[in-house]
N, C-alpha and C. Protein backbone atom coordinates (compact mmCIF):
# COMPACT_ATOMS: atom_id res chain seq x y z
N MET A 1 65.19 102.31 117.80
CA MET A 1 66.41 102.95 117.35
C MET A 1 67.24 101.96 116.55
N GLN A 2 67.79 102.43 115.44
CA GLN A 2 68.55 101.56 114.54
C GLN A 2 69.99 101.41 115.04
N GLN A 3 70.49 100.20 114.99
CA GLN A 3 71.86 99.92 115.39
C GLN A 3 72.82 100.41 114.32
N PRO A 4 73.96 100.98 114.71
CA PRO A 4 74.96 101.36 113.69
C PRO A 4 75.53 100.13 113.02
N ASP A 5 75.82 100.24 111.73
CA ASP A 5 76.30 99.08 110.98
C ASP A 5 77.77 98.79 111.24
N CYS A 6 78.48 99.68 111.90
CA CYS A 6 79.89 99.46 112.22
C CYS A 6 80.13 99.86 113.68
N PRO A 7 80.52 98.91 114.51
CA PRO A 7 80.76 99.25 115.92
C PRO A 7 82.02 100.09 116.12
N LYS A 8 82.92 100.08 115.15
CA LYS A 8 84.18 100.81 115.29
C LYS A 8 83.99 102.32 115.12
N CYS A 9 83.25 102.73 114.07
CA CYS A 9 83.06 104.16 113.81
C CYS A 9 81.62 104.62 114.09
N LEU A 10 80.75 103.71 114.48
CA LEU A 10 79.34 103.99 114.80
C LEU A 10 78.59 104.61 113.62
N GLY A 11 78.95 104.18 112.42
CA GLY A 11 78.25 104.62 111.22
C GLY A 11 78.70 105.97 110.67
N LYS A 12 79.73 106.58 111.25
CA LYS A 12 80.20 107.89 110.78
C LYS A 12 81.14 107.79 109.60
N ARG A 13 81.72 106.62 109.35
CA ARG A 13 82.63 106.33 108.25
C ARG A 13 84.00 106.99 108.42
N ARG A 14 84.26 107.59 109.56
CA ARG A 14 85.58 108.15 109.85
C ARG A 14 85.86 108.00 111.34
N ILE A 15 87.15 107.95 111.66
CA ILE A 15 87.58 107.76 113.03
C ILE A 15 88.52 108.89 113.40
N MET A 16 88.33 109.47 114.59
CA MET A 16 89.23 110.51 115.07
C MET A 16 90.21 109.86 116.05
N LYS A 17 91.49 110.05 115.78
CA LYS A 17 92.53 109.52 116.65
C LYS A 17 92.67 110.42 117.89
N ALA A 18 93.45 109.96 118.86
CA ALA A 18 93.65 110.71 120.10
C ALA A 18 94.34 112.05 119.85
N ASP A 19 95.17 112.13 118.80
CA ASP A 19 95.87 113.39 118.52
C ASP A 19 95.03 114.36 117.70
N GLY A 20 93.80 114.00 117.36
CA GLY A 20 92.89 114.89 116.64
C GLY A 20 92.83 114.68 115.16
N THR A 21 93.68 113.82 114.61
CA THR A 21 93.63 113.56 113.17
C THR A 21 92.44 112.67 112.84
N ILE A 22 91.89 112.88 111.66
CA ILE A 22 90.73 112.10 111.22
C ILE A 22 91.17 111.20 110.08
N MET A 23 90.76 109.93 110.14
CA MET A 23 91.08 108.99 109.09
C MET A 23 89.83 108.19 108.74
N PRO A 24 89.74 107.67 107.52
CA PRO A 24 88.58 106.86 107.15
C PRO A 24 88.56 105.56 107.93
N CYS A 25 87.37 105.03 108.13
CA CYS A 25 87.22 103.74 108.80
C CYS A 25 87.51 102.65 107.75
N PHE A 26 88.62 101.96 107.93
CA PHE A 26 89.03 100.98 106.94
C PHE A 26 88.11 99.75 106.95
N ASP A 27 87.47 99.45 108.08
CA ASP A 27 86.52 98.35 108.12
C ASP A 27 85.33 98.63 107.20
N CYS A 28 84.83 99.87 107.21
CA CYS A 28 83.72 100.25 106.34
C CYS A 28 84.16 100.28 104.88
N LEU A 29 85.39 100.73 104.64
CA LEU A 29 85.91 100.79 103.28
C LEU A 29 86.03 99.39 102.69
N ILE A 30 86.57 98.46 103.44
CA ILE A 30 86.74 97.09 102.97
C ILE A 30 85.39 96.40 102.79
N ALA A 31 84.44 96.70 103.67
CA ALA A 31 83.12 96.07 103.58
C ALA A 31 82.27 96.67 102.46
N GLY A 32 82.73 97.77 101.84
CA GLY A 32 81.98 98.37 100.74
C GLY A 32 80.88 99.30 101.19
N ARG A 33 80.93 99.77 102.43
CA ARG A 33 79.89 100.66 102.93
C ARG A 33 80.16 102.13 102.61
N MET A 34 81.33 102.44 102.06
CA MET A 34 81.60 103.82 101.68
C MET A 34 82.14 103.88 100.26
N ASP A 35 81.87 104.99 99.62
CA ASP A 35 82.31 105.21 98.25
C ASP A 35 83.68 105.87 98.29
N GLN A 36 84.65 105.27 97.62
CA GLN A 36 86.01 105.80 97.65
C GLN A 36 86.15 107.05 96.79
N HIS A 37 85.25 107.25 95.83
CA HIS A 37 85.38 108.33 94.87
C HIS A 37 84.22 109.30 95.02
N ASP A 38 84.52 110.56 94.94
CA ASP A 38 83.51 111.60 95.02
C ASP A 38 82.81 111.72 93.66
N LYS A 39 81.52 111.92 93.68
CA LYS A 39 80.77 112.05 92.44
C LYS A 39 80.99 113.43 91.79
N ASN A 40 81.44 114.41 92.56
CA ASN A 40 81.72 115.75 92.04
C ASN A 40 83.17 116.11 92.35
N PRO A 41 84.11 115.61 91.56
CA PRO A 41 85.52 115.90 91.85
C PRO A 41 85.84 117.37 91.64
N LYS A 42 86.76 117.88 92.46
CA LYS A 42 87.19 119.27 92.35
C LYS A 42 88.20 119.39 91.21
N ASP A 43 88.25 120.56 90.61
CA ASP A 43 89.20 120.82 89.53
C ASP A 43 90.59 120.97 90.15
N SER A 44 91.51 120.13 89.75
CA SER A 44 92.86 120.14 90.32
C SER A 44 93.74 121.22 89.70
N GLY A 45 93.34 121.74 88.56
CA GLY A 45 94.14 122.76 87.90
C GLY A 45 95.23 122.18 87.02
N VAL A 46 95.32 120.87 86.91
CA VAL A 46 96.34 120.22 86.09
C VAL A 46 95.84 120.22 84.64
N LYS A 47 96.67 120.70 83.74
CA LYS A 47 96.31 120.73 82.32
C LYS A 47 97.05 119.62 81.60
N ILE A 48 96.34 118.94 80.75
CA ILE A 48 96.91 117.81 80.01
C ILE A 48 97.13 118.23 78.57
């Protein structure tokens, strides 16, 4: 069995707080294990 690369989030890249809110794992973000930008961005509807 493969060990998770982050002991804080166990490789899920997000952490659920006690109140139920979900936040990104900042340790994975700083280490470069997650992509900050989506490859398929949604249309925001803003016209330039």
